[in-house]
Amino acid sequence: MSTGRKRAAELHKEIFAAAFGDEWDGVNLHIYAGDYTDAVHALADADRKTVGFDPTLYQLSCQALELHLKAFLWLADGLSSKQLKNKYGHDLAKLWEHGKARGIGRYAKVTQLRDRTVKMVSTPYKNRQFAYLDPVSRVIDGDQSAIDKIVPTLRRLNEQLSKSMDWPLLKEKRNRQRQKLLKLSHAQLVDMIINRRTPM
């Protein structure tokens, strides 16, 4: 992660924690999705020498996509981190389908290749098979040419979501914070600012 992005992430967390407690929101999810996307870039471009199947790029790509999709659903449906966790868990196929129904196509192109790719990786990712050394050919149904397209397809999808959702997420967060602050009395606002307390 770049120094500027790291500092922005730290500052965001400090401001959010001071004003609104520790609840995760779409911006937090989006920041960490970007970090996983950056990690995929770094590893893919490093020309590493590995012996046998290396699940790292699959795991990181899927983790980034999960967080991007949850950030989008926070934006589209206003779901809390707890609601996102309870409703979707780590089910990429369910997140992707609901994201498409809610308009994720505004932020990343929806294609048949992306549909197939998400479907191919959903079950192995949900079952944490990419976290271990199970060869991809044993955990994914598909021919080798389809398997070879997984990481590049997820990489491009994550890149699009990283770039296109920054401003909409920040704008929505600001609107939600404003609405929350408008519900506070003057005395509560002063107390919150002076004592750095979370609004009730």
Protein backbone atom coordinates (compact mmCIF):
# COMPACT_ATOMS: atom_id res chain seq x y z
CA MET A 1 0.00 0.00 0.00
CA SER A 2 1.33 3.47 -0.83
CA THR A 3 2.24 5.83 2.02
CA GLY A 4 -0.47 8.30 1.02
CA ARG A 5 -3.16 5.61 0.88
CA LYS A 6 -2.00 4.15 4.20
CA ARG A 7 -2.14 7.56 5.89
CA ALA A 8 -5.57 8.26 4.36
CA ALA A 9 -6.82 4.92 5.68
CA GLU A 10 -5.43 5.63 9.16
CA LEU A 11 -6.92 9.14 9.21
CA HIS A 12 -10.27 7.81 8.03
CA LYS A 13 -10.33 5.23 10.83
CA GLU A 14 -9.37 7.84 13.45
CA ILE A 15 -12.07 10.29 12.36
CA PHE A 16 -14.72 7.61 12.08
CA ALA A 17 -13.87 6.08 15.47
CA ALA A 18 -13.88 9.49 17.16
CA ALA A 19 -17.24 10.51 15.75
CA PHE A 20 -19.13 7.28 15.20
CA GLY A 21 -17.53 4.41 17.09
CA ASP A 22 -15.91 1.32 15.63
CA GLU A 23 -18.69 0.02 13.36
CA TRP A 24 -17.38 -0.95 9.94
CA ASP A 25 -18.92 0.78 6.98
CA GLY A 26 -18.64 0.71 3.21
CA VAL A 27 -15.65 3.04 3.17
CA ASN A 28 -13.69 0.80 5.55
CA LEU A 29 -14.55 -2.24 3.44
CA HIS A 30 -13.55 -0.40 0.26
CA ILE A 31 -10.19 0.66 1.71
CA TYR A 32 -9.30 -2.90 2.64
CA ALA A 33 -10.57 -4.22 -0.70
CA GLY A 34 -8.12 -1.80 -2.31
CA ASP A 35 -5.32 -3.15 -0.14
CA TYR A 36 -6.07 -6.72 -1.24
CA THR A 37 -6.21 -5.54 -4.87
CA ASP A 38 -2.80 -3.89 -4.44
CA ALA A 39 -1.45 -7.13 -2.97
CA VAL A 40 -2.66 -9.06 -6.03
CA HIS A 41 -0.84 -6.58 -8.28
CA ALA A 42 2.37 -6.85 -6.25
CA LEU A 43 2.38 -10.66 -6.26
CA ALA A 44 1.31 -11.03 -9.89
CA ASP A 45 4.00 -8.62 -11.03
CA ALA A 46 6.74 -10.08 -8.82
CA ASP A 47 7.45 -13.08 -11.08
CA ARG A 48 7.70 -15.35 -8.04
CA LYS A 49 9.03 -18.88 -8.37
CA THR A 50 6.61 -21.32 -6.76
CA VAL A 51 6.52 -25.08 -6.63
CA GLY A 52 3.14 -26.52 -7.60
CA PHE A 53 -0.15 -24.71 -7.20
CA ASP A 54 -0.03 -21.35 -5.44
CA PRO A 55 -3.47 -20.37 -4.06
CA THR A 56 -2.38 -16.91 -2.91
CA LEU A 57 -3.58 -14.91 -5.92
CA TYR A 58 -6.94 -16.69 -5.91
CA GLN A 59 -7.47 -16.06 -2.18
CA LEU A 60 -6.44 -12.39 -2.37
CA SER A 61 -8.51 -11.75 -5.50
CA CYS A 62 -11.61 -13.30 -3.97
CA GLN A 63 -11.11 -11.47 -0.67
CA ALA A 64 -10.85 -8.16 -2.52
CA LEU A 65 -14.01 -8.92 -4.49
CA GLU A 66 -15.94 -9.89 -1.36
CA LEU A 67 -15.06 -6.59 0.33
CA HIS A 68 -15.81 -4.53 -2.80
CA LEU A 69 -19.22 -6.18 -3.15
CA LYS A 70 -20.03 -5.67 0.52
CA ALA A 71 -18.98 -2.02 0.24
CA PHE A 72 -21.32 -1.65 -2.73
CA LEU A 73 -24.22 -3.25 -0.84
CA TRP A 74 -23.58 -0.92 2.09
CA LEU A 75 -23.91 1.91 -0.42
CA ALA A 76 -26.94 0.53 -2.27
CA ASP A 77 -28.93 -0.96 0.60
CA GLY A 78 -27.53 0.67 3.73
CA LEU A 79 -26.70 -2.70 5.29
CA SER A 80 -24.53 -2.65 8.40
CA SER A 81 -21.39 -4.75 8.65
CA LYS A 82 -23.26 -7.19 10.89
CA GLN A 83 -26.14 -7.45 8.40
CA LEU A 84 -23.70 -8.01 5.54
CA LYS A 85 -21.93 -10.73 7.48
CA ASN A 86 -25.14 -12.48 8.51
CA LYS A 87 -26.83 -12.24 5.12
CA TYR A 88 -23.90 -13.12 2.85
CA GLY A 89 -21.02 -14.59 4.84
CA HIS A 90 -18.31 -15.27 2.24
CA ASP A 91 -20.72 -16.26 -0.56
CA LEU A 92 -19.35 -14.46 -3.62
CA ALA A 93 -22.06 -15.78 -5.95
CA LYS A 94 -24.82 -14.45 -3.71
CA LEU A 95 -23.03 -11.10 -3.27
CA TRP A 96 -22.46 -10.80 -7.04
CA GLU A 97 -26.05 -11.65 -7.95
CA HIS A 98 -27.48 -9.24 -5.41
CA GLY A 99 -24.95 -6.60 -6.50
CA LYS A 100 -26.07 -6.97 -10.12
CA ALA A 101 -29.71 -6.67 -9.09
CA ARG A 102 -28.91 -3.49 -7.15
CA GLY A 103 -26.97 -1.83 -10.00
CA ILE A 104 -23.30 -2.64 -9.59
CA GLY A 105 -23.11 -2.32 -13.37
CA ARG A 106 -22.83 1.45 -12.81
CA TYR A 107 -19.39 0.83 -11.29
CA ALA A 108 -18.06 -2.20 -13.17
CA LYS A 109 -19.12 -3.83 -16.39
CA VAL A 110 -21.17 -7.00 -15.91
CA THR A 111 -20.13 -9.64 -18.46
CA GLN A 112 -20.71 -13.34 -19.04
CA LEU A 113 -17.02 -13.97 -18.34
CA ARG A 114 -17.30 -12.25 -14.97
CA ASP A 115 -20.50 -14.14 -14.19
CA ARG A 116 -18.80 -17.47 -14.97
CA THR A 117 -15.66 -16.53 -13.06
CA VAL A 118 -17.50 -15.53 -9.89
CA LYS A 119 -19.56 -18.72 -10.10
CA MET A 120 -16.38 -20.83 -10.52
CA VAL A 121 -14.59 -19.39 -7.48
CA SER A 122 -17.54 -18.90 -5.13
CA THR A 123 -17.76 -22.35 -3.54
CA PRO A 124 -13.99 -22.95 -3.15
CA TYR A 125 -13.58 -19.47 -1.67
CA LYS A 126 -16.54 -19.89 0.70
CA ASN A 127 -15.10 -23.25 1.82
CA ARG A 128 -11.64 -21.67 2.27
CA GLN A 129 -10.06 -24.04 -0.24
CA PHE A 130 -7.86 -21.23 -1.61
CA ALA A 131 -6.41 -20.73 1.86
CA TYR A 132 -4.73 -24.11 1.58
CA LEU A 133 -2.73 -25.95 -1.05
CA ASP A 134 -5.52 -27.82 -2.80
CA PRO A 135 -4.69 -27.68 -6.52
CA VAL A 136 -7.08 -25.37 -8.33
CA SER A 137 -7.96 -28.15 -10.77
CA ARG A 138 -9.40 -30.13 -7.86
CA VAL A 139 -11.43 -27.31 -6.34
CA ILE A 140 -12.76 -25.56 -9.46
CA ASP A 141 -15.01 -27.06 -12.10
CA GLY A 142 -13.82 -25.89 -15.48
CA ASP A 143 -11.31 -26.52 -18.21
CA GLN A 144 -7.77 -25.17 -17.97
CA SER A 145 -8.41 -22.24 -20.32
CA ALA A 146 -11.26 -21.06 -18.08
CA ILE A 147 -9.14 -21.55 -14.96
CA ASP A 148 -6.30 -19.54 -16.51
CA LYS A 149 -8.67 -16.55 -16.90
CA ILE A 150 -9.78 -16.45 -13.24
CA VAL A 151 -7.10 -14.24 -11.69
CA PRO A 152 -6.85 -11.78 -14.63
CA THR A 153 -10.66 -11.47 -14.74
CA LEU A 154 -10.97 -10.87 -11.00
CA ARG A 155 -8.03 -8.48 -11.12
CA ARG A 156 -9.68 -6.29 -13.77
CA LEU A 157 -13.03 -6.40 -11.95
CA ASN A 158 -11.41 -5.38 -8.65
CA GLU A 159 -9.49 -2.58 -10.37
CA GLN A 160 -12.72 -1.17 -11.83
CA LEU A 161 -14.52 -1.32 -8.49
CA SER A 162 -11.56 0.25 -6.66
CA LYS A 163 -11.51 3.24 -8.99
CA SER A 164 -15.21 3.79 -9.60
CA MET A 165 -16.61 3.52 -6.06
CA ASP A 166 -14.31 5.92 -4.16
CA TRP A 167 -16.34 9.07 -4.56
CA PRO A 168 -19.85 7.55 -4.28
CA LEU A 169 -18.89 5.78 -1.04
CA LEU A 170 -17.35 8.88 0.53
CA LYS A 171 -20.34 10.99 -0.51
CA GLU A 172 -22.80 8.49 0.98
CA LYS A 173 -20.81 8.25 4.20
CA ARG A 174 -20.82 12.03 4.53
CA ASN A 175 -24.60 12.11 3.99
CA ARG A 176 -25.18 9.42 6.63
CA GLN A 177 -22.93 11.20 9.10
CA ARG A 178 -24.74 14.47 8.44
CA GLN A 179 -28.12 12.82 9.07
CA LYS A 180 -26.85 11.32 12.30
CA LEU A 181 -25.44 14.66 13.47
CA LEU A 182 -28.68 16.49 12.62
CA LYS A 183 -30.51 14.29 15.11
CA LEU A 184 -28.28 15.45 17.97
CA SER A 185 -29.05 18.41 20.22
CA HIS A 186 -26.63 21.33 20.45
CA ALA A 187 -25.48 20.16 23.89
CA GLN A 188 -24.82 16.63 22.58
CA LEU A 189 -22.77 18.03 19.69
CA VAL A 190 -20.65 20.21 21.97
CA ASP A 191 -20.12 17.32 24.36
CA MET A 192 -19.16 15.00 21.50
CA ILE A 193 -16.63 17.46 20.07
CA ILE A 194 -15.07 18.37 23.41
CA ASN A 195 -14.90 14.85 24.76
CA ARG A 196 -14.54 12.98 21.44
CA ARG A 197 -17.53 10.85 22.35
CA THR A 198 -19.58 8.74 20.01
CA PRO A 199 -23.12 10.09 19.45
CA MET A 200 -25.84 8.14 21.21
